[in-house]
Protein backbone atom coordinates (compact mmCIF):
# COMPACT_ATOMS: atom_id res chain seq x y z
CA UNK A 1 -68.78 -10.46 107.11
CA UNK A 2 -65.16 -10.00 106.13
CA UNK A 3 -62.86 -8.06 108.43
CA UNK A 4 -59.43 -6.49 108.31
CA UNK A 5 -57.04 -9.17 109.59
CA UNK A 6 -53.58 -7.59 109.41
CA UNK A 7 -52.00 -4.23 108.74
CA UNK A 8 -48.29 -3.98 107.94
CA UNK A 9 -45.70 -1.80 109.60
CA UNK A 10 -42.36 -1.84 107.79
CA UNK A 11 -39.53 -2.14 110.31
CA UNK A 12 -35.74 -2.00 110.31
CA UNK A 13 -35.21 -5.01 112.58
CA UNK A 14 -37.59 -7.69 113.83
CA UNK A 15 -36.23 -7.93 117.36
CA UNK A 16 -36.13 -4.18 118.03
CA UNK A 17 -39.68 -3.88 116.67
CA UNK A 18 -40.91 -6.76 118.85
CA UNK A 19 -39.25 -5.15 121.88
CA UNK A 20 -41.05 -1.87 121.24
CA UNK A 21 -44.48 -3.23 120.41
CA UNK A 22 -44.46 -5.87 123.17
CA UNK A 23 -42.37 -4.35 125.97
CA UNK A 24 -43.22 -0.67 125.50
CA UNK A 25 -46.71 -0.60 123.95
CA UNK A 26 -47.82 -3.75 125.79
CA UNK A 27 -48.93 -5.69 122.70
CA UNK A 28 -48.99 -9.49 122.67
CA UNK A 29 -46.62 -11.38 120.38
CA UNK A 30 -49.02 -13.65 118.49
CA UNK A 31 -46.57 -15.25 116.07
CA UNK A 32 -42.88 -15.23 115.23
CA UNK A 33 -42.21 -17.81 112.53
CA UNK A 34 -38.90 -18.03 110.69
CA UNK A 35 -39.18 -18.15 106.89
CA UNK A 36 -36.65 -18.50 104.10
CA UNK A 37 -33.93 -15.91 103.41
CA UNK A 38 -33.87 -14.60 106.99
CA UNK A 39 -37.45 -13.38 106.81
CA UNK A 40 -39.90 -13.87 109.65
CA UNK A 41 -43.69 -13.73 109.97
CA UNK A 42 -44.08 -11.54 113.07
CA UNK A 43 -47.56 -10.64 114.27
CA UNK A 44 -48.40 -8.49 117.31
CA UNK A 45 -51.70 -7.15 118.64
CA UNK A 46 -53.04 -5.26 121.62
CA UNK A 47 -54.19 -7.59 124.41
CA UNK A 48 -57.70 -8.84 123.73
CA UNK A 49 -57.72 -7.83 120.05
CA UNK A 50 -60.07 -10.16 118.22
CA UNK A 51 -59.72 -9.16 114.59
CA UNK A 52 -56.97 -6.83 113.44
CA UNK A 53 -53.31 -7.37 114.27
CA UNK A 54 -50.04 -5.82 113.07
CA UNK A 55 -47.59 -7.63 110.81
CA UNK A 56 -44.06 -6.39 111.50
CA UNK A 57 -42.34 -6.69 108.11
CA UNK A 58 -38.60 -6.07 107.87
CA UNK A 59 -37.61 -3.87 104.94
CA UNK A 60 -35.63 -5.79 102.34
CA UNK A 61 -35.26 -3.26 99.50
CA UNK A 62 -34.07 0.33 99.34
CA UNK A 63 -37.59 1.52 98.55
CA UNK A 64 -38.95 -0.28 101.60
CA UNK A 65 -36.17 1.09 103.81
CA UNK A 66 -37.11 4.58 102.63
CA UNK A 67 -40.64 4.05 103.94
CA UNK A 68 -39.62 3.12 107.49
CA UNK A 69 -41.05 5.70 109.85
CA UNK A 70 -43.11 7.53 107.26
CA UNK A 71 -45.47 5.00 105.76
CA UNK A 72 -48.37 7.46 105.62
CA UNK A 73 -46.74 10.66 104.42
CA UNK A 74 -46.66 12.22 107.89
CA UNK A 75 -50.32 11.53 108.71
CA UNK A 76 -51.51 9.41 111.59
CA UNK A 77 -51.73 5.92 110.14
CA UNK A 78 -52.84 3.75 113.05
CA UNK A 79 -55.41 4.21 115.77
CA UNK A 80 -54.92 2.40 119.06
CA UNK A 81 -58.33 2.34 120.75
CA UNK A 82 -58.61 2.17 124.52
CA UNK A 83 -61.43 2.06 127.01
CA UNK A 84 -59.24 3.66 129.72
CA UNK A 85 -57.33 6.55 128.16
CA UNK A 86 -55.69 8.00 131.28
CA UNK A 87 -54.45 4.58 132.45
CA UNK A 88 -52.97 3.65 129.08
CA UNK A 89 -51.56 7.12 128.38
CA UNK A 90 -49.69 7.14 131.71
CA UNK A 91 -48.45 3.55 131.33
CA UNK A 92 -47.18 4.24 127.82
CA UNK A 93 -45.58 7.55 128.79
CA UNK A 94 -43.75 5.89 131.70
CA UNK A 95 -42.58 3.13 129.35
CA UNK A 96 -40.92 5.75 127.13
CA UNK A 97 -43.49 6.33 124.39
CA UNK A 98 -43.00 9.76 122.84
CA UNK A 99 -46.25 11.71 122.64
CA UNK A 100 -46.35 14.74 120.35
CA UNK A 101 -48.97 16.51 122.42
CA UNK A 102 -50.91 16.50 125.64
CA UNK A 103 -54.18 14.57 125.55
CA UNK A 104 -57.06 16.55 124.09
CA UNK A 105 -60.81 16.12 123.95
CA UNK A 106 -62.47 16.11 120.56
CA UNK A 107 -66.13 15.56 119.66
CA UNK A 108 -65.28 11.95 118.77
CA UNK A 109 -63.20 11.19 121.88
CA UNK A 110 -60.02 11.77 123.88
CA UNK A 111 -56.86 11.52 121.81
CA UNK A 112 -53.09 12.04 121.84
CA UNK A 113 -50.69 11.44 118.96
CA UNK A 114 -47.58 9.35 119.62
CA UNK A 115 -44.77 7.98 117.50
CA UNK A 116 -43.53 4.43 117.33
CA UNK A 117 -39.81 3.69 117.52
CA UNK A 118 -39.43 4.52 113.81
CA UNK A 119 -41.43 7.74 113.82
CA UNK A 120 -44.74 6.46 112.45
CA UNK A 121 -47.61 8.50 113.90
CA UNK A 122 -50.35 6.77 115.90
CA UNK A 123 -53.39 8.00 117.81
CA UNK A 124 -54.08 6.69 121.28
CA UNK A 125 -57.81 7.24 121.36
CA UNK A 126 -60.75 6.66 123.62
CA UNK A 127 -63.84 7.09 121.50
CA UNK A 128 -66.82 8.91 123.02
CA UNK A 129 -68.81 5.69 123.20
CA UNK A 130 -66.01 4.08 125.22
CA UNK A 131 -65.57 7.16 127.43
CA UNK A 132 -69.30 7.13 128.24
CA UNK A 133 -69.23 3.38 128.91
CA UNK A 134 -66.19 3.80 131.17
CA UNK A 135 -67.92 6.57 133.16
CA UNK A 136 -71.15 4.65 133.67
CA UNK A 137 -69.78 1.13 133.77
CA UNK A 138 -72.21 0.11 131.05
CA UNK A 139 -71.69 -0.39 127.37
CA UNK A 140 -73.21 2.27 125.17
């Protein structure tokens, strides 16, 4: 079956975006290939991700620059799943990630909204099935 391979986040600068996603969020830098006209193909992903990764695409037009930090009209646009919410929340908070709220429990899982370095909204989320697996040590 087909799967979602990449999602794009429009960024102001490749190196500052890599620093945030790798050094602060803890993502792996999967590729950083120089292309023509100063462009780069920069791909990052959470450790262990097997399918979807994030393409960091530098804005090159005024319209693209206007989208930096608000690619989804103020809605949460990306969902960073975890199997250990408290561990990852504390690590990210200590690394300087700005959370908009304290963690909360919802019927679907434990969640807290954070912003990337540009202001895009993300959920850090531990889905119920992962929370139950974490508590019992067995996959649900």
